[in-house]
Protein backbone atom coordinates (compact mmCIF):
# COMPACT_ATOMS: atom_id res chain seq x y z
CA UNK A 1 -62.59 12.48 40.42
CA UNK A 2 -60.12 15.06 38.98
CA UNK A 3 -57.28 13.37 40.64
CA UNK A 4 -58.51 9.74 39.60
CA UNK A 5 -58.70 10.62 35.87
CA UNK A 6 -55.24 12.48 36.06
CA UNK A 7 -53.67 8.93 37.10
CA UNK A 8 -56.03 6.79 34.46
CA UNK A 9 -54.31 9.24 31.69
CA UNK A 10 -51.11 8.44 32.53
CA UNK A 11 -51.45 4.70 32.65
CA UNK A 12 -50.72 3.77 28.82
CA UNK A 13 -53.18 0.66 27.54
CA UNK A 14 -52.03 0.48 23.80
CA UNK A 15 -48.80 1.51 22.27
CA UNK A 16 -47.80 1.61 18.75
CA UNK A 17 -46.44 3.89 15.74
CA UNK A 18 -47.84 4.56 12.48
CA UNK A 19 -44.92 5.68 10.28
CA UNK A 20 -45.90 8.30 8.15
CA UNK A 21 -41.77 9.38 6.94
CA UNK A 22 -39.33 7.48 4.47
CA UNK A 23 -36.46 8.29 6.30
CA UNK A 24 -37.30 7.67 9.71
CA UNK A 25 -34.94 4.68 11.14
CA UNK A 26 -36.00 4.37 15.37
CA UNK A 27 -38.67 6.33 16.83
CA UNK A 28 -39.06 6.72 20.46
CA UNK A 29 -42.28 6.36 22.04
CA UNK A 30 -43.13 9.51 24.01
CA UNK A 31 -43.62 8.38 27.97
CA UNK A 32 -43.79 11.80 29.21
CA UNK A 33 -43.90 10.65 32.96
CA UNK A 34 -46.66 7.83 31.95
CA UNK A 35 -46.69 4.22 32.87
CA UNK A 36 -47.40 0.98 31.15
CA UNK A 37 -49.88 -1.16 32.95
CA UNK A 38 -49.60 -5.23 32.73
CA UNK A 39 -52.24 -6.40 30.18
CA UNK A 40 -51.80 -3.19 28.16
CA UNK A 41 -51.16 -4.25 24.25
CA UNK A 42 -48.14 -3.41 22.09
CA UNK A 43 -48.92 -3.24 18.36
CA UNK A 44 -45.63 -4.04 16.17
CA UNK A 45 -46.73 -3.54 12.44
CA UNK A 46 -44.50 -4.78 9.44
CA UNK A 47 -41.05 -4.09 9.03
CA UNK A 48 -40.84 -2.72 12.49
CA UNK A 49 -39.40 -4.10 15.94
CA UNK A 50 -40.31 -2.87 19.08
CA UNK A 51 -37.53 -2.72 21.92
CA UNK A 52 -38.16 -2.28 25.63
CA UNK A 53 -35.31 -0.45 27.49
CA UNK A 54 -35.02 -0.32 31.08
CA UNK A 55 -32.73 1.62 33.36
CA UNK A 56 -30.25 2.37 30.33
CA UNK A 57 -30.46 -1.66 29.25
CA UNK A 58 -31.79 -3.24 26.34
CA UNK A 59 -34.35 -5.65 27.27
CA UNK A 60 -37.13 -7.35 25.53
CA UNK A 61 -37.52 -7.44 21.59
CA UNK A 62 -40.87 -7.51 20.29
CA UNK A 63 -41.52 -8.49 16.26
CA UNK A 64 -44.78 -7.69 14.38
CA UNK A 65 -48.14 -8.43 15.58
CA UNK A 66 -50.27 -7.65 18.58
CA UNK A 67 -48.71 -8.50 22.04
CA UNK A 68 -50.54 -8.34 25.23
CA UNK A 69 -47.97 -7.37 27.80
CA UNK A 70 -47.63 -9.53 30.68
CA UNK A 71 -44.93 -11.12 32.92
CA UNK A 72 -44.50 -14.09 31.01
CA UNK A 73 -43.35 -12.18 27.92
CA UNK A 74 -41.26 -9.70 29.23
CA UNK A 75 -38.42 -12.03 31.41
CA UNK A 76 -35.39 -9.54 30.96
CA UNK A 77 -37.36 -6.70 31.97
CA UNK A 78 -38.93 -8.41 34.93
CA UNK A 79 -35.54 -9.63 36.01
CA UNK A 80 -34.25 -6.06 35.60
CA UNK A 81 -37.23 -4.53 37.83
CA UNK A 82 -36.79 -7.49 40.25
CA UNK A 83 -40.07 -9.46 39.45
CA UNK A 84 -39.01 -12.52 40.23
CA UNK A 85 -41.61 -13.80 42.20
CA UNK A 86 -44.57 -11.23 42.11
CA UNK A 87 -47.07 -9.42 40.12
CA UNK A 88 -46.00 -5.54 39.32
CA UNK A 89 -48.01 -3.18 37.63
CA UNK A 90 -47.70 -0.48 36.34
CA UNK A 91 -43.91 0.04 35.40
CA UNK A 92 -42.01 2.54 33.69
CA UNK A 93 -39.77 2.00 30.95
CA UNK A 94 -38.66 3.22 27.29
CA UNK A 95 -39.84 1.74 24.10
CA UNK A 96 -38.21 2.52 20.77
CA UNK A 97 -39.63 1.45 17.41
CA UNK A 98 -37.14 0.37 15.48
CA UNK A 99 -37.89 0.35 11.18
CA UNK A 100 -36.50 -2.48 9.38
CA UNK A 101 -37.84 -1.89 5.92
CA UNK A 102 -34.98 -0.93 3.02
CA UNK A 103 -34.03 2.42 2.62
CA UNK A 104 -33.28 2.67 -0.81
CA UNK A 105 -31.75 5.43 -3.55
CA UNK A 106 -29.19 6.98 -1.16
CA UNK A 107 -26.49 8.39 -3.21
CA UNK A 108 -22.74 8.34 -2.69
CA UNK A 109 -19.57 9.38 -4.25
CA UNK A 110 -16.42 10.25 -4.08
CA UNK A 111 -15.49 13.85 -2.87
CA UNK A 112 -11.68 13.43 -3.53
CA UNK A 113 -10.03 11.54 -6.53
CA UNK A 114 -9.37 7.68 -5.73
CA UNK A 115 -5.05 6.95 -6.39
CA UNK A 116 -4.92 3.41 -8.17
CA UNK A 117 -1.93 1.85 -9.33
CA UNK A 118 -2.71 0.84 -13.00
CA UNK A 119 -0.41 -1.79 -15.28
CA UNK A 120 -1.42 0.49 -18.49
CA UNK A 121 -1.10 3.72 -17.30
CA UNK A 122 0.74 3.43 -13.76
CA UNK A 123 -0.60 5.33 -10.84
CA UNK A 124 -3.89 7.39 -11.85
CA UNK A 125 -6.71 8.92 -9.95
CA UNK A 126 -9.99 8.19 -10.77
CA UNK A 127 -13.87 9.50 -9.49
CA UNK A 128 -16.65 7.29 -9.14
CA UNK A 129 -20.65 7.88 -7.90
CA UNK A 130 -23.96 5.76 -7.70
CA UNK A 131 -26.36 4.59 -5.26
CA UNK A 132 -27.15 2.19 -2.44
CA UNK A 133 -29.41 0.76 -0.16
CA UNK A 134 -29.47 -0.85 3.32
CA UNK A 135 -31.97 -1.86 6.14
CA UNK A 136 -31.52 -2.32 10.02
CA UNK A 137 -30.58 -6.11 10.14
CA UNK A 138 -29.87 -6.43 14.03
CA UNK A 139 -31.81 -3.84 15.65
CA UNK A 140 -30.21 -4.58 19.37
CA UNK A 141 -26.55 -3.93 17.75
CA UNK A 142 -27.53 -0.73 15.78
CA UNK A 143 -29.18 0.42 19.10
CA UNK A 144 -26.10 -0.44 21.05
CA UNK A 145 -23.61 1.26 18.09
CA UNK A 146 -25.01 4.45 16.53
CA UNK A 147 -28.65 5.09 17.89
CA UNK A 148 -28.08 5.52 21.62
CA UNK A 149 -31.24 7.12 23.22
CA UNK A 150 -32.19 9.82 21.04
CA UNK A 151 -36.06 10.23 20.28
CA UNK A 152 -35.56 10.49 16.91
CA UNK A 153 -32.97 8.76 14.35
CA UNK A 154 -33.42 9.44 10.53
CA UNK A 155 -31.48 8.13 7.45
CA UNK A 156 -29.85 11.47 7.27
CA UNK A 157 -27.78 10.83 10.82
CA UNK A 158 -25.91 7.99 9.31
CA UNK A 159 -25.90 7.87 5.68
CA UNK A 160 -22.75 10.16 5.70
CA UNK A 161 -21.00 7.98 7.86
CA UNK A 162 -22.12 5.09 5.46
CA UNK A 163 -20.79 6.95 2.24
CA UNK A 164 -17.42 7.06 3.82
CA UNK A 165 -17.22 3.45 4.76
CA UNK A 166 -18.53 2.77 0.91
CA UNK A 167 -16.08 5.03 -0.54
CA UNK A 168 -13.09 3.29 1.68
CA UNK A 169 -14.46 -0.30 0.95
CA UNK A 170 -14.64 0.57 -2.73
CA UNK A 171 -10.56 1.78 -2.26
CA UNK A 172 -9.59 -1.37 -0.77
CA UNK A 173 -11.23 -3.35 -3.41
CA UNK A 174 -9.37 -1.92 -6.30
CA UNK A 175 -6.33 -2.29 -4.15
CA UNK A 176 -6.79 -6.06 -3.67
CA UNK A 177 -8.51 -7.11 -6.93
CA UNK A 178 -5.48 -4.92 -9.03
CA UNK A 179 -8.24 -4.43 -11.63
CA UNK A 180 -6.90 -2.64 -14.48
CA UNK A 181 -8.48 0.81 -15.21
CA UNK A 182 -9.65 -0.46 -18.65
CA UNK A 183 -11.60 -3.87 -17.25
CA UNK A 184 -12.76 -1.70 -14.42
CA UNK A 185 -14.81 0.51 -16.65
CA UNK A 186 -15.67 -2.08 -18.83
CA UNK A 187 -17.30 -4.42 -15.98
CA UNK A 188 -18.81 -2.44 -13.60
CA UNK A 189 -21.23 -5.30 -12.66
CA UNK A 190 -18.71 -7.60 -11.36
CA UNK A 191 -16.96 -4.93 -9.94
CA UNK A 192 -20.23 -4.10 -8.00
CA UNK A 193 -20.50 -7.70 -6.46
CA UNK A 194 -16.84 -7.54 -5.18
CA UNK A 195 -17.00 -4.26 -3.63
CA UNK A 196 -20.43 -5.27 -2.04
CA UNK A 197 -18.99 -8.16 -0.35
CA UNK A 198 -16.08 -6.38 1.05
CA UNK A 199 -18.43 -3.55 2.38
CA UNK A 200 -20.60 -5.42 3.69
CA UNK A 201 -18.98 -6.86 6.38
CA UNK A 202 -18.63 -3.38 7.75
CA UNK A 203 -22.36 -2.86 7.65
CA UNK A 204 -22.88 -6.15 9.68
CA UNK A 205 -21.00 -4.75 12.43
CA UNK A 206 -23.16 -2.08 12.81
CA UNK A 207 -26.20 -4.20 12.63
CA UNK A 208 -27.25 -2.88 9.37
CA UNK A 209 -27.26 -5.03 5.88
CA UNK A 210 -25.90 -3.63 2.72
CA UNK A 211 -29.01 -4.48 0.37
CA UNK A 212 -27.62 -2.96 -2.84
CA UNK A 213 -24.63 -0.96 -4.41
CA UNK A 214 -24.56 0.39 -7.67
CA UNK A 215 -21.67 2.25 -9.35
CA UNK A 216 -22.70 4.06 -11.66
CA UNK A 217 -19.84 5.72 -13.29
CA UNK A 218 -15.95 5.51 -12.80
CA UNK A 219 -14.27 8.88 -14.81
CA UNK A 220 -10.91 9.11 -15.26
CA UNK A 221 -8.16 12.02 -15.80
CA UNK A 222 -8.59 13.62 -19.09
CA UNK A 223 -4.76 12.44 -20.24
CA UNK A 224 -6.08 8.90 -19.47
CA UNK A 225 -9.40 9.23 -21.20
CA UNK A 226 -7.59 10.93 -24.55
CA UNK A 227 -4.96 7.57 -24.46
CA UNK A 228 -8.35 5.29 -24.06
CA UNK A 229 -9.63 7.14 -27.13
CA UNK A 230 -6.40 6.88 -28.94
CA UNK A 231 -6.44 3.09 -28.27
CA UNK A 232 -9.96 2.71 -29.52
CA UNK A 233 -9.41 4.39 -32.51
CA UNK A 234 -6.40 1.91 -33.58
CA UNK A 235 -8.66 -1.27 -32.84
CA UNK A 236 -6.88 -4.42 -33.24
CA UNK A 237 -3.82 -3.37 -33.64
CA UNK A 238 -3.77 -1.29 -30.05
CA UNK A 239 -1.47 -3.71 -28.48
CA UNK A 240 1.13 -3.71 -31.15
CA UNK A 241 4.01 -1.08 -30.10
CA UNK A 242 5.48 -0.52 -33.45
CA UNK A 243 2.06 0.21 -35.09
CA UNK A 244 1.54 2.78 -32.09
CA UNK A 245 4.84 4.43 -32.57
CA UNK A 246 3.62 4.46 -36.92
CA UNK A 247 0.17 6.06 -35.82
CA UNK A 248 1.90 8.65 -33.56
CA UNK A 249 4.38 9.54 -36.04
CA UNK A 250 1.80 9.85 -39.09
CA UNK A 251 -0.05 12.45 -36.50
CA UNK A 252 3.45 14.53 -36.06
CA UNK A 253 3.74 14.35 -40.03
CA UNK A 254 0.55 15.27 -40.44
CA UNK A 255 0.81 18.49 -37.77
CA UNK A 256 4.23 19.45 -39.22
CA UNK A 257 3.17 19.42 -42.87
CA UNK A 258 0.61 22.37 -41.82
CA UNK A 259 3.44 24.70 -41.19
CA UNK A 260 3.05 28.19 -43.51
CA UNK A 261 5.85 29.54 -45.63
CA UNK A 262 9.25 28.24 -47.22
CA UNK A 263 10.07 26.20 -43.98
CA UNK A 264 6.45 24.74 -44.46
CA UNK A 265 7.53 23.63 -48.29
CA UNK A 266 10.28 21.59 -47.00
CA UNK A 267 8.24 20.38 -44.18
CA UNK A 268 5.61 19.29 -46.44
CA UNK A 269 8.07 17.27 -48.45
CA UNK A 270 9.77 15.80 -45.84
CA UNK A 271 6.30 15.01 -44.42
CA UNK A 272 5.41 13.45 -47.48
CA UNK A 273 8.57 10.98 -47.76
CA UNK A 274 8.33 10.04 -44.10
CA UNK A 275 4.56 9.17 -44.07
CA UNK A 276 5.12 7.39 -47.79
CA UNK A 277 7.96 5.44 -45.29
CA UNK A 278 5.82 4.74 -42.67
CA UNK A 279 2.69 3.40 -44.77
CA UNK A 280 5.35 1.37 -47.23
CA UNK A 281 6.76 -0.23 -43.95
CA UNK A 282 2.99 -0.43 -42.21
CA UNK A 283 1.95 -2.05 -45.31
CA UNK A 284 5.02 -4.64 -45.51
CA UNK A 285 4.84 -5.67 -42.17
CA UNK A 286 1.00 -6.68 -42.59
CA UNK A 287 1.10 -8.63 -45.63
CA UNK A 288 4.48 -10.41 -45.30
CA UNK A 289 2.73 -12.82 -43.28
CA UNK A 290 3.71 -15.99 -45.31
CA UNK A 291 5.60 -18.76 -43.53
CA UNK A 292 9.17 -19.71 -44.32
CA UNK A 293 7.58 -22.99 -45.82
CA UNK A 294 5.07 -20.90 -47.71
CA UNK A 295 7.85 -18.60 -48.86
CA UNK A 296 10.33 -21.58 -50.14
CA UNK A 297 6.88 -23.02 -52.27
CA UNK A 298 6.54 -19.86 -54.20
CA UNK A 299 10.45 -19.50 -55.09
CA UNK A 300 10.31 -23.13 -56.30
CA UNK A 301 7.43 -22.49 -58.76
CA UNK A 302 9.06 -19.06 -59.65
CA UNK A 303 10.31 -18.61 -63.26
CA UNK A 304 13.88 -16.82 -63.83
CA UNK A 305 14.81 -14.55 -66.72
CA UNK A 306 17.37 -15.75 -68.45
CA UNK A 307 18.63 -12.26 -69.54
CA UNK A 308 18.35 -10.37 -66.02
CA UNK A 309 17.85 -13.12 -63.67
CA UNK A 310 14.76 -11.28 -62.38
CA UNK A 311 12.24 -13.46 -60.24
CA UNK A 312 8.77 -14.01 -61.93
CA UNK A 313 5.76 -15.51 -61.37
CA UNK A 314 4.98 -19.19 -62.16
CA UNK A 315 3.04 -18.46 -65.12
CA UNK A 316 4.50 -15.54 -66.37
CA UNK A 317 5.41 -15.69 -70.18
CA UNK A 318 7.46 -12.21 -70.27
CA UNK A 319 10.27 -10.92 -67.88
CA UNK A 320 8.72 -8.38 -65.66
CA UNK A 321 11.77 -6.47 -65.47
CA UNK A 322 13.28 -6.69 -69.17
CA UNK A 323 10.40 -7.94 -71.13
CA UNK A 324 12.15 -10.81 -72.69
CA UNK A 325 10.03 -13.58 -73.47
CA UNK A 326 9.97 -16.55 -70.95
CA UNK A 327 8.75 -19.58 -72.54
CA UNK A 328 11.84 -20.41 -74.45
CA UNK A 329 13.48 -21.11 -70.97
CA UNK A 330 11.52 -24.26 -70.14
CA UNK A 331 10.85 -27.24 -71.60
CA UNK A 332 8.42 -30.23 -70.34
CA UNK A 333 9.32 -33.71 -68.62
CA UNK A 334 8.31 -36.29 -70.82
CA UNK A 335 7.54 -38.35 -67.57
CA UNK A 336 5.67 -36.10 -65.25
CA UNK A 337 5.00 -33.08 -67.37
CA UNK A 338 6.95 -30.80 -65.07
CA UNK A 339 8.49 -27.81 -66.32
CA UNK A 340 12.59 -27.73 -66.05
CA UNK A 341 15.62 -25.21 -67.65
CA UNK A 342 16.01 -25.61 -71.14
CA UNK A 343 19.62 -26.82 -69.86
CA UNK A 344 18.80 -29.58 -67.90
CA UNK A 345 19.71 -33.05 -68.10
CA UNK A 346 17.09 -34.66 -65.62
CA UNK A 347 13.87 -33.78 -64.24
CA UNK A 348 13.72 -31.98 -61.15
CA UNK A 349 10.69 -33.22 -60.01
CA UNK A 350 10.86 -37.35 -60.86
CA UNK A 351 14.38 -37.47 -61.61
CA UNK A 352 13.64 -38.54 -65.28
CA UNK A 353 16.91 -38.09 -67.64
CA UNK A 354 15.53 -35.22 -69.87
CA UNK A 355 16.83 -35.99 -73.64
């Protein structure tokens, strides 16, 4: 009687796995010398896949549901156990439950800086970090490529390897896209999409699916960040090299003017003169935006002093240089009303003869 109970206890009638963990990817059902009966129940829950392995080879795969194990739904296992014609029970096989849910909030980051060639700053090194999520998409490929025959396989067993794939894929994406450092920092969402497409193909080869990739931050060396701050402070004028030079010159002049002692007095005087010249040049370059045609029209309407020849505005009544009255230097055309020089014989606007 005791022997009968022992044999009965070694026959599995129900096979299932209740996952109470957050990081278990594959669970090997404990056989411990027990055998499976034909007619046994196999329960596969949602986000699970059950895989039978016989003689070191992957046999039949079962998705979510309650399955009754009979010869008809074990075709590969039946062939491996040489059951082409008859009914065999019990039998021995390894059963693996693969978790197909998403494993989220997996951290990643660059251990060493990534070197990139930038069109604005040359060769620079950047660091980055973020999170990613993945899941098992092809359980049989995953077992062949990564899992093997371990009794338990968790996310910690594979995440370090996946992190190295992510960093390598992001480095390749930066090199291929030729995105500048400025655009990279300002368009992380678009770069996420490019990087995910690049890396997802590597995950697929392992039977995995990269469901999400988030690049939370990209940091630059201190020198590059300082240059970015300077360009930002210059605003819309940042793209003009002459303005940039004047900006840096003004900074240098301000620093030199802080020197103490008699040398500082000379420095302050020179700094003041140099700064005045820089400001004058900058104002002149920013204000002289009139076209040649507009300048010509202004010269036509200008009034010239008969005493010193200085140019004055069209409505000026006195010379801005010598103060002489300008009203007497003009007379009005009787035909069109335009002002002409007092000595003119014909109107410069309509050609009417001036008496």
